[in-house]
Each structure stands twice: as C-alpha cells, then as structure tokens.
Amino acid sequence: MTQKTAVTGAFGYTGRYIARRLLADGQDVITLTGRPQQPLPEFAGRVRAFPFHFERPEQLRASLAGIDTLYNTYWVRFDHGDQTFERAVANTRILIDAAREAGVRRIVHVSITNPSIDSPLPYFRGKALLEQAVTASGLDYTILRPTVIFGPEDILINNIAWLLRRFPVFAVPGSGEYRLQPIFVEDLAELALRAGKQAHNAVIDAVGPDIFSFDELLDLLARILGSRAVRIHLPAGLALQLSRVIGALLGDVLLTRDEIDGLSADLLVSSSAPTGWTRLEDWLQRNRASVGEKYASELRRHFR
C-alpha cells in the first residue's frame, strides 16, 4: 500500500532531497510550502503543493488529512523582516498541533546539533524548544540533528568557495580552529527516509564522516579549486563588519554574529559516531567545476 507523506519545503533545499527520495521509494508526497505557485519542474506534478496556512490552522489540518508521516524542514537561518526565530518556533508549534489533530502518525523533524534551551543563540535555543514540542506532541518521532549540509544547492560551502575563487584575500573570523562536521544532503535524505520507517522514537545526530577545523576546510577548498587567496585571521567583530560590506554589495546576508558564535563554540560537531557516509573531499572533487562558480543568495532564495 502506498504511504502518503508530507514534506515541508519540498521546493527548497533539504526538503527537495527528502521529497525526491520518498518519490523514488514509491511514496505519495505532498508539500507544505510558502511558495505553492513555484513548483520544481523535476517533480513534474508528482508533488502537490499546499500553503502553510499557519494563520488558519483548520486549513493546515485539512492539508494534512490522510498523511502518515510528516517530514519537517521548516526553519529560518536568521531574522529578516517578520520572518524571525520567534515566529518560526510559533509556526512550527502550530504545524505540530495540526499534524496531531489531523491524525498524522509520525514526524521526522530536522533540528540542529547541540540545541539547548539555555543557549544564548536564538537558532539553537529555538531548535531546542521545538524538540521539546515534538517529544511532547504524542506523535511517533525521529529528530535528526544535522550540522552543515552540503550539496549542489548548498549556500555556506558554495559561497566560501565563491569567495576563494574571486578574492585575493579571505578573512577568517577568529582563530579558525573551531570545527564543523558537514553531512551530504543526499545522506540526510536517506536518513530521513529510514527514520520515517522506524517504529520507535529516536534522536539522531546526522553528521558526516569527517571533522574539519575551519582552517582545514579552507585548505581543502583552496587545494581542490586551485585558489591562491591569502588567508588572514581577524577579530570576529572585524570579520563580521567586512562580511556585511560584501553582503551589502551582493544584496544579501553573508554571515551573522550568531553563526560566528555557534561555530566558535564548536556546536557544529557531534560526539556521536558518524551517521552519514559521503566524504566532502570526494564530493568536491566530483563537483570542482561547479562549486562556487555562482554566488548563492539566501535572501533571493527565501525572501524574494
């Protein structure tokens, strides 16, 4: 029997790969999205789109009627206009309540490594609040905790590569010794598919096989791309100001203070065994011609 599933943001980045993997598994997929009129051609009408309707929970419940498993990727990277962390938390709580009331059996919820209610960083604190909401919902659940997600539509690693390709100098905030443990987006999608088929509750760090210091990541990218950019280490505040100048020229937000603080606190690594298997170096070698060729704008992708 075909299972009916819902993915938030299937026309975006992570949600697209999860929806693609579910379709390949023979599942019936709908999406809840802020852009229902902008479907992806690759889905060729196979993914029906419904607006989020956070302001009308009864319509959200109707969209989720008959859904067995909800895969939730909805979140914001930073506050922008009325799209804030506080609103994202409130909206996700509405979504979880609607799923329960609609009879959804299971939720696979994408969180972040090392969330904490006590975190001074709203990204990590908000994710911790939502993990509490998921575990208290009464739904069967798996919470996936990824770090940096890399892949063809990635923003962070792509834009680091873009800077290394085009600028003679690359400014590193602080020491560059802070670490990250990136996971391939297709590995994350496979973990999500497996999580949807589980019969027990779980919280899983979704992390790749390699841990890099930020300087080591830059070494890897520079070597593969043939970049000769000179690396300089600047105080975090000065590096942030420089990123804002470049961001203003690009009409985008290149980096935030919270992101620097999260990296510096080693929040993007896990003490658990790797659950992803694709090595970043191998993927970069296969995609060296395209990584960083074009700048990926966060504001254009999500807000314009």
Protein backbone atom coordinates (compact mmCIF):
# COMPACT_ATOMS: atom_id res chain seq x y z
CA MET A 1 0.00 0.00 0.00
CA THR A 2 1.32 3.43 -0.98
CA GLN A 3 2.11 5.59 2.02
CA LYS A 4 1.07 9.23 1.92
CA THR A 5 3.68 11.62 3.25
CA ALA A 6 4.13 15.37 3.62
CA VAL A 7 7.38 17.33 3.36
CA THR A 8 7.67 20.95 4.38
CA GLY A 9 9.68 22.95 1.85
CA ALA A 10 9.91 20.33 -0.91
CA PHE A 11 10.61 23.14 -3.40
CA GLY A 12 13.56 24.33 -1.32
CA TYR A 13 16.87 22.67 -0.49
CA THR A 14 16.79 19.92 2.14
CA GLY A 15 13.09 19.26 1.61
CA ARG A 16 13.66 18.74 -2.11
CA TYR A 17 16.07 15.88 -1.49
CA ILE A 18 13.79 14.27 1.06
CA ALA A 19 10.83 14.50 -1.33
CA ARG A 20 12.94 13.11 -4.16
CA ARG A 21 13.99 10.15 -2.02
CA LEU A 22 10.40 9.46 -0.91
CA LEU A 23 9.17 9.50 -4.52
CA ALA A 24 11.93 7.08 -5.52
CA ASP A 25 10.69 4.82 -2.71
CA GLY A 26 7.22 4.81 -4.27
CA GLN A 27 5.56 7.05 -1.69
CA ASP A 28 2.82 9.60 -2.37
CA VAL A 29 4.19 13.05 -1.46
CA ILE A 30 2.60 16.42 -0.82
CA THR A 31 4.40 19.54 0.33
CA LEU A 32 3.56 22.41 2.62
CA THR A 33 5.36 25.47 1.31
CA GLY A 34 5.46 29.22 1.31
CA ARG A 35 5.76 29.10 -2.48
CA PRO A 36 2.95 26.85 -3.72
CA GLN A 37 2.94 28.58 -7.12
CA GLN A 38 6.64 27.84 -7.76
CA PRO A 39 6.85 24.05 -8.19
CA LEU A 40 10.04 22.35 -9.27
CA PRO A 41 9.94 21.05 -12.86
CA GLU A 42 11.77 17.89 -11.78
CA PHE A 43 8.71 16.74 -9.84
CA ALA A 44 6.51 17.03 -12.95
CA GLY A 45 3.33 17.44 -10.94
CA ARG A 46 4.05 14.45 -8.70
CA VAL A 47 4.20 16.63 -5.56
CA ARG A 48 1.00 18.53 -4.80
CA ALA A 49 1.61 21.84 -3.02
CA PHE A 50 -0.41 23.41 -0.22
CA PRO A 51 0.24 26.76 1.51
CA PHE A 52 1.48 26.64 5.09
CA HIS A 53 -1.66 28.41 6.40
CA PHE A 54 -0.12 28.95 9.83
CA GLU A 55 -2.70 31.69 10.34
CA ARG A 56 -5.55 29.25 9.55
CA PRO A 57 -4.80 26.01 11.42
CA GLU A 58 -8.04 24.40 10.24
CA GLN A 59 -6.82 24.60 6.63
CA LEU A 60 -3.42 23.26 7.70
CA ARG A 61 -5.18 20.30 9.33
CA ALA A 62 -7.18 19.73 6.14
CA SER A 63 -3.97 19.69 4.06
CA LEU A 64 -2.51 17.05 6.39
CA ALA A 65 -5.60 14.80 6.39
CA GLY A 66 -4.64 11.25 5.45
CA ILE A 67 -0.90 11.85 5.91
CA ASP A 68 1.00 9.06 7.64
CA THR A 69 4.40 10.75 8.12
CA LEU A 70 5.37 14.43 8.16
CA TYR A 71 8.96 15.38 7.31
CA ASN A 72 9.59 18.83 8.70
CA THR A 73 12.45 21.02 7.45
CA TYR A 74 10.76 24.40 8.09
CA TRP A 75 13.02 26.98 9.77
CA VAL A 76 14.80 30.29 9.17
CA ARG A 77 18.54 30.93 9.06
CA PHE A 78 18.29 34.40 10.59
CA ASP A 79 15.73 37.08 11.46
CA HIS A 80 14.60 39.03 8.39
CA GLY A 81 11.57 41.29 8.43
CA ASP A 82 8.69 39.46 10.04
CA GLN A 83 10.41 36.10 9.50
CA THR A 84 12.02 35.67 12.90
CA PHE A 85 13.18 32.78 15.06
CA GLU A 86 10.34 33.51 17.48
CA ARG A 87 7.80 33.33 14.67
CA ALA A 88 9.38 30.16 13.27
CA VAL A 89 9.02 28.50 16.68
CA ALA A 90 5.39 29.59 16.96
CA ASN A 91 4.60 28.46 13.40
CA THR A 92 6.21 25.06 13.92
CA ARG A 93 4.18 24.52 17.08
CA ILE A 94 1.05 25.25 15.05
CA LEU A 95 2.23 22.72 12.46
CA ILE A 96 2.87 20.04 15.09
CA ASP A 97 -0.56 20.59 16.66
CA ALA A 98 -2.23 20.44 13.24
CA ALA A 99 -0.41 17.20 12.43
CA ARG A 100 -1.58 15.57 15.65
CA GLU A 101 -5.17 16.74 15.17
CA ALA A 102 -5.16 15.58 11.54
CA GLY A 103 -4.17 12.05 12.61
CA VAL A 104 -0.58 12.07 11.37
CA ARG A 105 1.19 9.05 12.84
CA ARG A 106 4.85 10.07 12.77
CA ILE A 107 7.01 13.18 12.39
CA VAL A 108 10.60 13.27 11.19
CA HIS A 109 11.84 16.63 12.40
CA VAL A 110 15.07 18.28 11.23
CA SER A 111 16.79 20.08 14.11
CA ILE A 112 20.46 21.01 14.69
CA THR A 113 23.37 19.52 16.61
CA ASN A 114 23.75 20.62 20.21
CA PRO A 115 20.48 22.51 20.72
CA SER A 116 19.96 23.93 24.19
CA ILE A 117 17.14 25.72 25.97
CA ASP A 118 19.83 27.71 27.78
CA SER A 119 21.70 28.74 24.64
CA PRO A 120 22.26 32.48 24.17
CA LEU A 121 21.91 31.84 20.42
CA PRO A 122 18.27 32.02 19.23
CA TYR A 123 18.90 29.46 16.47
CA PHE A 124 19.99 26.74 18.89
CA ARG A 125 17.54 27.77 21.62
CA GLY A 126 14.63 27.76 19.15
CA LYS A 127 15.58 24.32 17.89
CA ALA A 128 15.67 23.03 21.48
CA LEU A 129 12.19 24.43 22.16
CA LEU A 130 10.87 22.66 19.09
CA GLU A 131 12.46 19.36 20.06
CA GLN A 132 10.53 19.65 23.31
CA ALA A 133 7.34 20.31 21.34
CA VAL A 134 7.94 17.26 19.14
CA THR A 135 8.65 14.89 22.01
CA ALA A 136 5.59 16.14 23.94
CA SER A 137 3.26 16.01 20.92
CA GLY A 138 2.13 12.40 21.30
CA LEU A 139 3.29 11.67 17.74
CA ASP A 140 5.83 8.96 17.00
CA TYR A 141 9.00 10.82 16.10
CA THR A 142 12.58 10.86 14.96
CA ILE A 143 14.56 14.05 15.45
CA LEU A 144 17.51 14.43 13.07
CA ARG A 145 20.26 16.79 14.16
CA PRO A 146 22.40 17.82 11.18
CA THR A 147 25.31 20.23 11.16
CA VAL A 148 26.32 22.00 7.93
CA ILE A 149 24.59 20.37 4.96
CA PHE A 150 26.49 20.33 1.68
CA GLY A 151 25.28 19.58 -1.83
CA PRO A 152 24.63 21.21 -5.20
CA GLU A 153 22.29 23.91 -3.82
CA ASP A 154 24.23 24.49 -0.58
CA ILE A 155 24.80 28.10 0.42
CA LEU A 156 27.56 28.09 3.07
CA ILE A 157 30.24 25.94 1.46
CA ASN A 158 29.34 27.17 -2.03
CA ASN A 159 29.77 30.80 -1.01
CA ILE A 160 33.05 30.14 0.79
CA ALA A 161 34.23 28.59 -2.49
CA TRP A 162 32.88 31.59 -4.42
CA LEU A 163 34.91 33.96 -2.23
CA LEU A 164 38.04 31.82 -2.60
CA ARG A 165 37.64 31.84 -6.37
CA ARG A 166 37.20 35.60 -6.70
CA PHE A 167 39.05 37.45 -3.94
CA PRO A 168 42.80 37.63 -3.35
CA VAL A 169 42.28 37.65 0.43
CA PHE A 170 39.99 35.53 2.63
CA ALA A 171 39.23 36.83 6.13
CA VAL A 172 38.75 34.18 8.83
CA PRO A 173 36.83 35.18 11.97
CA GLY A 174 38.97 34.44 15.00
CA SER A 175 41.37 31.52 15.26
CA GLY A 176 39.89 29.27 12.57
CA GLU A 177 40.42 26.31 14.91
CA TYR A 178 36.70 25.82 15.59
CA ARG A 179 35.30 22.69 13.96
CA LEU A 180 32.43 21.53 11.79
CA GLN A 181 31.25 18.10 10.63
CA PRO A 182 29.35 18.52 7.36
CA ILE A 183 26.83 16.00 6.03
CA PHE A 184 25.87 15.40 2.39
CA VAL A 185 22.29 16.39 1.65
CA GLU A 186 21.52 13.03 0.00
CA ASP A 187 22.82 11.19 3.07
CA LEU A 188 20.48 13.30 5.21
CA ALA A 189 17.57 12.48 2.89
CA GLU A 190 18.31 8.75 3.18
CA LEU A 191 18.46 9.04 6.98
CA ALA A 192 15.09 10.80 6.89
CA LEU A 193 13.57 8.03 4.76
CA ARG A 194 14.85 5.37 7.17
CA ALA A 195 13.58 7.39 10.14
CA GLY A 196 10.11 7.50 8.62
CA LYS A 197 10.02 3.72 8.55
CA GLN A 198 11.13 3.23 12.15
CA ALA A 199 8.68 2.04 14.78
CA HIS A 200 10.42 3.70 17.73
CA ASN A 201 11.26 7.22 18.85
CA ALA A 202 14.81 8.42 18.32
CA VAL A 203 17.08 11.46 18.37
CA ILE A 204 19.94 11.09 15.89
CA ASP A 205 22.91 13.32 15.13
CA ALA A 206 23.04 13.49 11.32
CA VAL A 207 26.75 14.06 10.77
CA GLY A 208 29.27 13.13 8.14
CA PRO A 209 32.44 11.02 8.46
CA ASP A 210 34.91 13.93 8.61
CA ILE A 211 35.55 16.70 11.11
CA PHE A 212 37.41 19.79 9.90
CA SER A 213 38.66 22.86 11.64
CA PHE A 214 37.54 25.91 9.67
CA ASP A 215 41.12 26.43 8.52
CA GLU A 216 41.29 22.80 7.36
CA LEU A 217 38.07 23.28 5.41
CA LEU A 218 39.59 26.32 3.71
CA ASP A 219 42.76 24.33 2.94
CA LEU A 220 40.67 21.60 1.32
CA LEU A 221 38.60 24.02 -0.77
CA ALA A 222 41.63 26.06 -1.85
CA ARG A 223 43.52 22.94 -2.92
CA ILE A 224 40.66 21.49 -4.94
CA LEU A 225 39.68 24.81 -6.53
CA GLY A 226 43.25 25.96 -7.13
CA SER A 227 42.66 29.14 -5.12
CA ARG A 228 45.65 31.30 -4.19
CA ALA A 229 43.71 33.56 -1.85
CA VAL A 230 45.78 34.73 1.10
CA ARG A 231 44.17 33.85 4.40
CA ILE A 232 44.14 36.38 7.23
CA HIS A 233 42.72 35.90 10.72
CA LEU A 234 40.76 38.85 12.04
CA PRO A 235 38.90 39.51 15.29
CA ALA A 236 35.38 38.16 14.90
CA GLY A 237 33.78 41.62 15.03
CA LEU A 238 36.03 42.98 12.29
CA ALA A 239 35.48 39.94 10.07
CA LEU A 240 31.73 40.35 10.56
CA GLN A 241 31.90 44.01 9.51
CA LEU A 242 33.81 43.03 6.38
CA SER A 243 31.22 40.35 5.57
CA ARG A 244 28.50 43.00 5.90
CA VAL A 245 30.24 45.22 3.37
CA ILE A 246 30.46 42.35 0.88
CA GLY A 247 26.88 41.34 1.70
CA ALA A 248 25.64 44.87 1.01
CA LEU A 249 27.34 44.82 -2.38
CA LEU A 250 25.67 41.48 -3.13
CA GLY A 251 22.30 42.42 -1.66
CA ASP A 252 22.50 39.51 0.76
CA VAL A 253 23.46 38.45 4.29
CA LEU A 254 26.80 36.71 4.03
CA LEU A 255 27.34 35.87 7.71
CA THR A 256 25.74 36.65 11.07
CA ARG A 257 27.19 37.16 14.52
CA ASP A 258 25.20 34.20 15.80
CA GLU A 259 26.73 31.97 13.13
CA ILE A 260 30.24 33.04 14.13
CA ASP A 261 29.41 32.41 17.80
CA GLY A 262 27.91 28.99 17.00
CA LEU A 263 31.00 27.96 15.06
CA SER A 264 33.36 29.32 17.71
CA ALA A 265 31.51 27.32 20.40
CA ASP A 266 32.07 24.06 18.47
CA LEU A 267 28.32 23.49 18.14
CA LEU A 268 28.55 22.04 14.63
CA VAL A 269 30.29 18.82 15.59
CA SER A 270 28.98 15.70 17.30
CA SER A 271 30.39 13.34 19.90
CA SER A 272 28.36 10.51 18.34
CA ALA A 273 29.55 8.13 15.63
CA PRO A 274 29.06 9.42 12.06
CA THR A 275 25.70 8.60 10.52
CA GLY A 276 26.48 9.98 7.05
CA TRP A 277 28.99 8.31 4.75
CA THR A 278 29.81 10.70 1.90
CA ARG A 279 33.14 12.47 2.33
CA LEU A 280 33.17 16.18 1.50
CA GLU A 281 36.51 15.87 -0.30
CA ASP A 282 35.17 13.19 -2.63
CA TRP A 283 32.10 15.26 -3.45
CA LEU A 284 34.18 18.39 -4.03
CA GLN A 285 36.48 16.53 -6.41
CA ARG A 286 33.49 15.37 -8.45
CA ASN A 287 31.97 18.85 -8.49
CA ARG A 288 35.06 21.07 -8.59
CA ALA A 289 33.97 22.77 -11.82
CA SER A 290 30.66 24.00 -10.38
CA VAL A 291 31.24 24.61 -6.67
CA GLY A 292 31.49 28.34 -6.07
CA GLU A 293 31.02 29.27 -9.72
CA LYS A 294 27.90 31.27 -8.87
CA TYR A 295 27.02 33.09 -5.68
CA ALA A 296 24.00 31.62 -3.83
CA SER A 297 21.86 34.34 -2.25
CA GLU A 298 19.97 33.48 0.92
CA LEU A 299 17.66 36.46 0.58
CA ARG A 300 16.87 35.78 -3.06
CA ARG A 301 16.17 32.11 -2.39
CA HIS A 302 13.91 32.52 0.63
CA PHE A 303 12.61 36.07 0.82
CA ARG A 304 12.27 37.45 -2.72
